[in-house]
Amino acid sequence: MRLRRTALIAPLLLLAAAGCAPADSDGKAASEPTTTATSSSGTADACATDSLPTKTAGKLTVGTDSPAYEPWFSDNDPSNGKGFESAVAYAVADKLGFAKDAVSWVKVPFNNSYAPGAKAFDFDINQISITPDREKVVDFSQPYYTATQAVVTLKKNAGKASSLADLKKLKLGAQTGTTSLTAVRQIVKPDKEPLVFNDSNTPKQALLNGQVDAVVFDLPTAFYITAAEIEGSTITGQFSGEGVEGDRFGLLFEKGNKLRDCVDQAIDELTSDGTLAALEKQWLSDVVDVPVLQ
């Protein structure tokens, strides 16, 4: 049985970098992030802050759902920079040259985020998995995080949910439109039709009420549920192994948004300079082993 472990560490100092910083004509970094950069040919740098095609000039508008849950956000306040996805959003903004006070947040229900059509945000960050169907109508950045799916049940029922064969016999629950639900249907293939919920909070209550035997969430959310939300709950395992890909989360854009290329460049830099790894350790660390469901 394969085990997964990530070490719990003390919060790390946030890393900062200039990213797509503009440059003056002699190649030196400009002192103001909103100065238009020029190349040797004199053309404007598309990733200079004041050249970016944002919804509002000089501002970056970011979408996410409400409530905004731990550990992705903290205190239901995306603007405080706490929680993994809030921190990632501000790290990307910094790379693009936007100060924290130039970032604004708008509420976008999860299922609306990847619907076709015009968007009220520059990008949305909300544990949105990159899937072929969604890519037909919206664009995604390269992944900023990859997660597995995990099973949460009450401790008293843990012995009944410790294998794929066990799960097949149970009544399972997951949020609609998520890869958690896809994992239930395609990996477990339960004998009973799973209960499908419109948000991520209702499955937890259904578990407490005995409406379902177990629920499926991405692994970091499952850790938070068992540690802080449902007393007497536990993670019985995660879906992984041959033929099971991790759940890749990407920043979501309106189809054809040219901002995506600059955001991909920012994510490349956040990966290479270690910022994303540091933020993952700070906000998504865990201290227990999670067996792979067989």
Protein backbone atom coordinates (compact mmCIF):
# COMPACT_ATOMS: atom_id res chain seq x y z
CA MET A 1 0.00 0.00 0.00
CA ARG A 2 1.46 3.35 -1.03
CA LEU A 3 1.42 6.16 1.47
CA ARG A 4 1.54 9.90 1.00
CA ARG A 5 3.14 12.24 3.52
CA THR A 6 3.98 15.91 3.49
CA ALA A 7 5.78 17.42 6.43
CA LEU A 8 4.12 20.02 8.63
CA ILE A 9 6.36 23.05 8.85
CA ALA A 10 6.16 26.48 10.39
CA PRO A 11 4.74 29.21 8.14
CA LEU A 12 7.41 30.44 5.77
CA LEU A 13 8.23 33.98 4.87
CA LEU A 14 6.35 35.02 1.75
CA LEU A 15 8.61 35.31 -1.24
CA ALA A 16 8.31 38.25 -3.60
CA ALA A 17 9.65 38.84 -7.06
CA ALA A 18 9.19 41.44 -9.72
CA GLY A 19 8.00 39.03 -12.47
CA CYS A 20 6.99 40.79 -15.68
CA ALA A 21 8.71 43.96 -14.52
CA PRO A 22 9.11 46.70 -17.11
CA ALA A 23 12.53 47.89 -18.19
CA ASP A 24 13.83 51.23 -19.43
CA SER A 25 15.68 51.70 -22.68
CA ASP A 26 19.11 50.83 -21.27
CA GLY A 27 17.86 47.50 -19.91
CA LYS A 28 17.73 48.48 -16.23
CA ALA A 29 14.65 47.60 -14.21
CA ALA A 30 12.22 50.49 -13.99
CA SER A 31 11.41 51.81 -10.54
CA GLU A 32 7.66 51.95 -11.15
CA PRO A 33 5.88 48.66 -12.03
CA THR A 34 3.36 50.48 -14.23
CA THR A 35 5.95 51.90 -16.65
CA THR A 36 5.59 50.36 -20.09
CA ALA A 37 8.53 48.10 -20.98
CA THR A 38 10.01 48.19 -24.43
CA SER A 39 12.01 45.63 -26.34
CA SER A 40 15.06 46.39 -28.48
CA SER A 41 12.72 46.92 -31.43
CA GLY A 42 10.80 49.55 -29.50
CA THR A 43 7.57 47.55 -29.29
CA ALA A 44 5.66 47.52 -26.01
CA ASP A 45 6.15 44.47 -23.77
CA ALA A 46 2.76 42.72 -23.64
CA CYS A 47 3.39 41.74 -20.01
CA ALA A 48 4.26 45.23 -18.79
CA THR A 49 1.71 46.07 -16.12
CA ASP A 50 0.07 48.96 -17.96
CA SER A 51 -0.13 46.87 -21.15
CA LEU A 52 -2.09 44.02 -19.55
CA PRO A 53 -5.66 43.58 -20.88
CA THR A 54 -7.42 43.68 -17.50
CA LYS A 55 -11.10 44.45 -16.97
CA THR A 56 -10.18 47.73 -15.27
CA ALA A 57 -7.03 49.62 -16.20
CA GLY A 58 -4.44 49.42 -13.44
CA LYS A 59 -6.48 46.88 -11.48
CA LEU A 60 -6.64 43.08 -11.31
CA THR A 61 -10.09 41.57 -10.70
CA VAL A 62 -10.13 38.05 -9.25
CA GLY A 63 -13.18 35.82 -8.88
CA THR A 64 -13.96 33.12 -6.33
CA ASP A 65 -16.98 31.58 -4.64
CA SER A 66 -18.56 32.54 -1.33
CA PRO A 67 -18.23 31.14 1.26
CA ALA A 68 -14.51 30.79 0.58
CA TYR A 69 -13.42 27.72 2.53
CA GLU A 70 -10.29 26.75 4.44
CA PRO A 71 -7.53 25.87 3.70
CA TRP A 72 -7.83 27.65 0.37
CA PHE A 73 -8.92 30.90 2.02
CA SER A 74 -9.03 32.07 5.62
CA ASP A 75 -11.93 33.61 7.58
CA ASN A 76 -14.06 33.65 4.40
CA ASP A 77 -12.07 36.69 3.26
CA PRO A 78 -10.15 36.20 -0.02
CA SER A 79 -8.68 39.69 0.25
CA ASN A 80 -6.60 39.01 3.37
CA GLY A 81 -3.89 37.04 1.54
CA LYS A 82 -4.32 34.06 3.89
CA GLY A 83 -5.03 30.54 2.70
CA PHE A 84 -3.33 28.84 -0.23
CA GLU A 85 -5.40 30.23 -3.09
CA SER A 86 -5.57 33.76 -1.72
CA ALA A 87 -1.79 33.71 -1.32
CA VAL A 88 -1.32 32.31 -4.84
CA ALA A 89 -3.57 35.01 -6.32
CA TYR A 90 -1.55 37.78 -4.67
CA ALA A 91 1.75 36.13 -5.67
CA VAL A 92 0.58 36.09 -9.31
CA ALA A 93 -0.60 39.71 -8.97
CA ASP A 94 2.81 40.70 -7.63
CA LYS A 95 4.55 39.04 -10.56
CA LEU A 96 2.29 40.99 -12.91
CA GLY A 97 3.18 44.24 -11.14
CA PHE A 98 -0.03 44.80 -9.16
CA ALA A 99 0.20 45.90 -5.54
CA LYS A 100 -2.19 44.25 -3.08
CA ASP A 101 -4.47 47.29 -3.02
CA ALA A 102 -4.81 47.06 -6.82
CA VAL A 103 -6.44 43.62 -6.52
CA SER A 104 -10.22 43.40 -6.13
CA TRP A 105 -12.38 40.31 -5.60
CA VAL A 106 -15.78 39.41 -7.03
CA LYS A 107 -18.15 36.61 -6.01
CA VAL A 108 -18.54 33.89 -8.64
CA PRO A 109 -20.49 30.69 -7.83
CA PHE A 110 -18.37 27.65 -8.66
CA ASN A 111 -20.65 26.28 -11.39
CA ASN A 112 -20.93 29.71 -13.03
CA SER A 113 -17.18 30.16 -13.30
CA TYR A 114 -16.72 27.73 -16.17
CA ALA A 115 -20.00 28.50 -17.97
CA PRO A 116 -19.51 29.94 -21.47
CA GLY A 117 -19.69 33.67 -22.03
CA ALA A 118 -18.26 36.95 -20.83
CA LYS A 119 -16.70 37.11 -17.36
CA ALA A 120 -16.69 39.82 -14.70
CA PHE A 121 -13.17 38.85 -13.63
CA ASP A 122 -9.68 38.70 -15.08
CA PHE A 123 -9.21 35.21 -13.66
CA ASP A 124 -11.02 32.97 -11.20
CA ILE A 125 -9.30 30.86 -8.54
CA ASN A 126 -11.49 28.30 -6.77
CA GLN A 127 -10.03 24.77 -6.95
CA ILE A 128 -11.27 24.57 -10.52
CA SER A 129 -10.00 21.44 -12.22
CA ILE A 130 -8.71 21.63 -15.77
CA THR A 131 -10.88 19.32 -17.88
CA PRO A 132 -11.33 18.91 -21.65
CA ASP A 133 -15.04 19.80 -21.48
CA ARG A 134 -14.38 23.03 -19.60
CA GLU A 135 -11.54 23.96 -21.94
CA LYS A 136 -14.05 24.07 -24.80
CA VAL A 137 -15.66 27.23 -23.37
CA VAL A 138 -13.06 28.79 -21.05
CA ASP A 139 -9.27 28.99 -20.89
CA PHE A 140 -7.02 27.84 -18.06
CA SER A 141 -3.56 28.74 -16.93
CA GLN A 142 -1.05 26.00 -16.46
CA PRO A 143 -1.69 24.18 -13.15
CA TYR A 144 -0.69 25.88 -9.92
CA TYR A 145 -1.53 22.81 -7.80
CA THR A 146 -2.28 19.12 -8.25
CA ALA A 147 -4.42 17.27 -5.69
CA THR A 148 -5.84 13.78 -5.29
CA GLN A 149 -9.39 13.04 -4.20
CA ALA A 150 -10.05 11.55 -0.76
CA VAL A 151 -12.86 9.82 1.12
CA VAL A 152 -14.22 11.25 4.39
CA THR A 153 -16.49 9.27 6.69
CA LEU A 154 -17.28 9.09 10.39
CA LYS A 155 -14.71 7.19 12.43
CA LYS A 156 -17.33 4.68 13.54
CA ASN A 157 -17.83 3.73 9.88
CA ALA A 158 -14.18 3.85 8.78
CA GLY A 159 -13.87 0.07 8.56
CA LYS A 160 -16.66 -0.01 6.01
CA ALA A 161 -14.97 2.49 3.68
CA SER A 162 -11.36 1.37 3.49
CA SER A 163 -11.26 -0.11 -0.01
CA LEU A 164 -12.78 0.45 -3.43
CA ALA A 165 -14.84 -2.72 -2.95
CA ASP A 166 -16.18 -1.32 0.34
CA LEU A 167 -17.04 2.02 -1.21
CA LYS A 168 -18.90 0.39 -4.09
CA LYS A 169 -21.54 -0.82 -1.61
CA LEU A 170 -21.99 2.54 0.14
CA LYS A 171 -24.11 5.64 -0.41
CA LEU A 172 -21.62 8.32 -1.41
CA GLY A 173 -21.95 12.07 -1.81
CA ALA A 174 -20.07 14.82 -3.68
CA GLN A 175 -20.57 18.30 -5.10
CA THR A 176 -21.96 18.64 -8.60
CA GLY A 177 -19.59 19.66 -11.37
CA THR A 178 -16.47 18.55 -9.49
CA THR A 179 -13.81 15.95 -10.13
CA SER A 180 -14.77 14.53 -6.73
CA LEU A 181 -18.06 13.44 -8.30
CA THR A 182 -16.19 12.19 -11.37
CA ALA A 183 -13.97 10.06 -9.12
CA VAL A 184 -17.03 8.55 -7.46
CA ARG A 185 -18.64 7.64 -10.76
CA GLN A 186 -15.60 6.58 -12.75
CA ILE A 187 -13.31 5.05 -10.13
CA VAL A 188 -15.68 3.69 -7.46
CA LYS A 189 -18.69 3.02 -9.71
CA PRO A 190 -20.98 2.57 -6.69
CA ASP A 191 -23.98 0.25 -6.76
CA LYS A 192 -26.16 3.11 -5.51
CA GLU A 193 -26.46 6.41 -7.37
CA PRO A 194 -24.43 9.00 -5.40
CA LEU A 195 -26.13 11.98 -3.81
CA VAL A 196 -25.14 15.13 -5.67
CA PHE A 197 -25.06 18.52 -3.93
CA ASN A 198 -25.01 22.07 -5.29
CA ASP A 199 -22.28 23.32 -2.94
CA SER A 200 -19.43 21.94 -0.88
CA ASN A 201 -21.05 22.52 2.53
CA THR A 202 -24.19 20.39 2.10
CA PRO A 203 -22.35 17.03 1.72
CA LYS A 204 -20.80 17.53 5.15
CA GLN A 205 -24.22 17.98 6.75
CA ALA A 206 -25.52 14.98 4.83
CA LEU A 207 -22.72 12.90 6.33
CA LEU A 208 -23.62 14.05 9.83
CA ASN A 209 -27.31 13.38 9.18
CA GLY A 210 -26.64 9.85 7.96
CA GLN A 211 -27.92 10.58 4.45
CA VAL A 212 -24.63 9.34 3.01
CA ASP A 213 -22.04 6.91 4.31
CA ALA A 214 -19.06 8.86 2.99
CA VAL A 215 -18.24 12.00 1.01
CA VAL A 216 -15.46 12.76 -1.46
CA PHE A 217 -13.36 15.96 -1.51
CA ASP A 218 -9.89 16.94 -2.68
CA LEU A 219 -7.31 15.86 -0.13
CA PRO A 220 -6.45 19.28 1.42
CA THR A 221 -10.16 20.03 1.95
CA ALA A 222 -10.63 16.56 3.44
CA PHE A 223 -7.86 17.29 5.95
CA TYR A 224 -9.54 20.52 7.00
CA ILE A 225 -12.95 18.85 7.32
CA THR A 226 -11.61 16.13 9.60
CA ALA A 227 -9.43 18.49 11.64
CA ALA A 228 -11.77 21.43 12.15
CA GLU A 229 -15.30 20.89 10.85
CA ILE A 230 -16.69 17.42 11.59
CA GLU A 231 -15.76 15.99 14.96
CA GLY A 232 -15.33 12.24 14.87
CA SER A 233 -14.62 12.11 11.13
CA THR A 234 -11.63 10.61 9.36
CA ILE A 235 -10.02 10.16 5.94
CA THR A 236 -10.06 6.50 4.95
CA GLY A 237 -7.95 6.89 1.82
CA GLN A 238 -7.19 8.70 -1.39
CA PHE A 239 -7.67 7.81 -5.06
CA SER A 240 -4.32 7.43 -6.74
CA GLY A 241 -2.15 4.99 -8.59
CA GLU A 242 -1.89 3.74 -12.14
CA GLY A 243 -4.47 5.28 -14.43
CA VAL A 244 -5.54 7.89 -11.87
CA GLU A 245 -4.27 11.38 -12.55
CA GLY A 246 -4.06 14.11 -9.95
CA ASP A 247 -6.66 16.85 -9.97
CA ARG A 248 -4.96 19.81 -11.69
CA PHE A 249 -6.18 23.22 -10.56
CA GLY A 250 -5.80 26.15 -12.95
CA LEU A 251 -6.67 29.83 -12.97
CA LEU A 252 -9.74 30.24 -15.17
CA PHE A 253 -10.10 32.89 -17.89
CA GLU A 254 -12.75 34.02 -20.31
CA LYS A 255 -12.18 32.17 -23.59
CA GLY A 256 -9.51 33.95 -25.64
CA ASN A 257 -8.30 36.22 -22.84
CA LYS A 258 -4.79 37.32 -23.78
CA LEU A 259 -3.90 37.86 -20.12
CA ARG A 260 -3.41 34.11 -19.79
CA ASP A 261 0.01 34.09 -21.45
CA CYS A 262 1.39 36.61 -18.95
CA VAL A 263 -0.16 34.70 -16.05
CA ASP A 264 1.46 31.49 -17.31
CA GLN A 265 4.78 33.33 -17.33
CA ALA A 266 4.14 34.43 -13.74
CA ILE A 267 3.32 30.87 -12.67
CA ASP A 268 6.52 29.64 -14.34
CA GLU A 269 8.50 32.13 -12.26
CA LEU A 270 6.63 31.27 -9.04
CA THR A 271 7.45 27.62 -9.67
CA SER A 272 11.12 28.14 -10.48
CA ASP A 273 11.79 30.50 -7.56
CA GLY A 274 10.14 28.13 -5.06
CA THR A 275 7.22 30.39 -4.11
CA LEU A 276 4.47 27.91 -4.98
CA ALA A 277 6.21 25.11 -3.09
CA ALA A 278 6.62 27.37 -0.05
CA LEU A 279 2.96 28.41 -0.12
CA GLU A 280 1.87 24.79 -0.45
CA LYS A 281 3.91 23.84 2.62
CA GLN A 282 2.60 26.84 4.54
CA TRP A 283 -1.10 26.37 3.86
CA LEU A 284 -1.65 22.76 2.74
CA SER A 285 0.72 20.78 4.96
CA ASP A 286 -0.49 17.69 6.82
CA VAL A 287 0.90 15.30 9.42
CA VAL A 288 -0.77 11.98 8.69
CA ASP A 289 -0.35 9.21 6.18
CA VAL A 290 -3.18 8.64 3.77
CA PRO A 291 -3.40 5.17 2.25
CA VAL A 292 -4.18 4.74 -1.41
CA LEU A 293 -7.55 3.04 -1.87
CA GLN A 294 -7.17 -0.31 -3.62
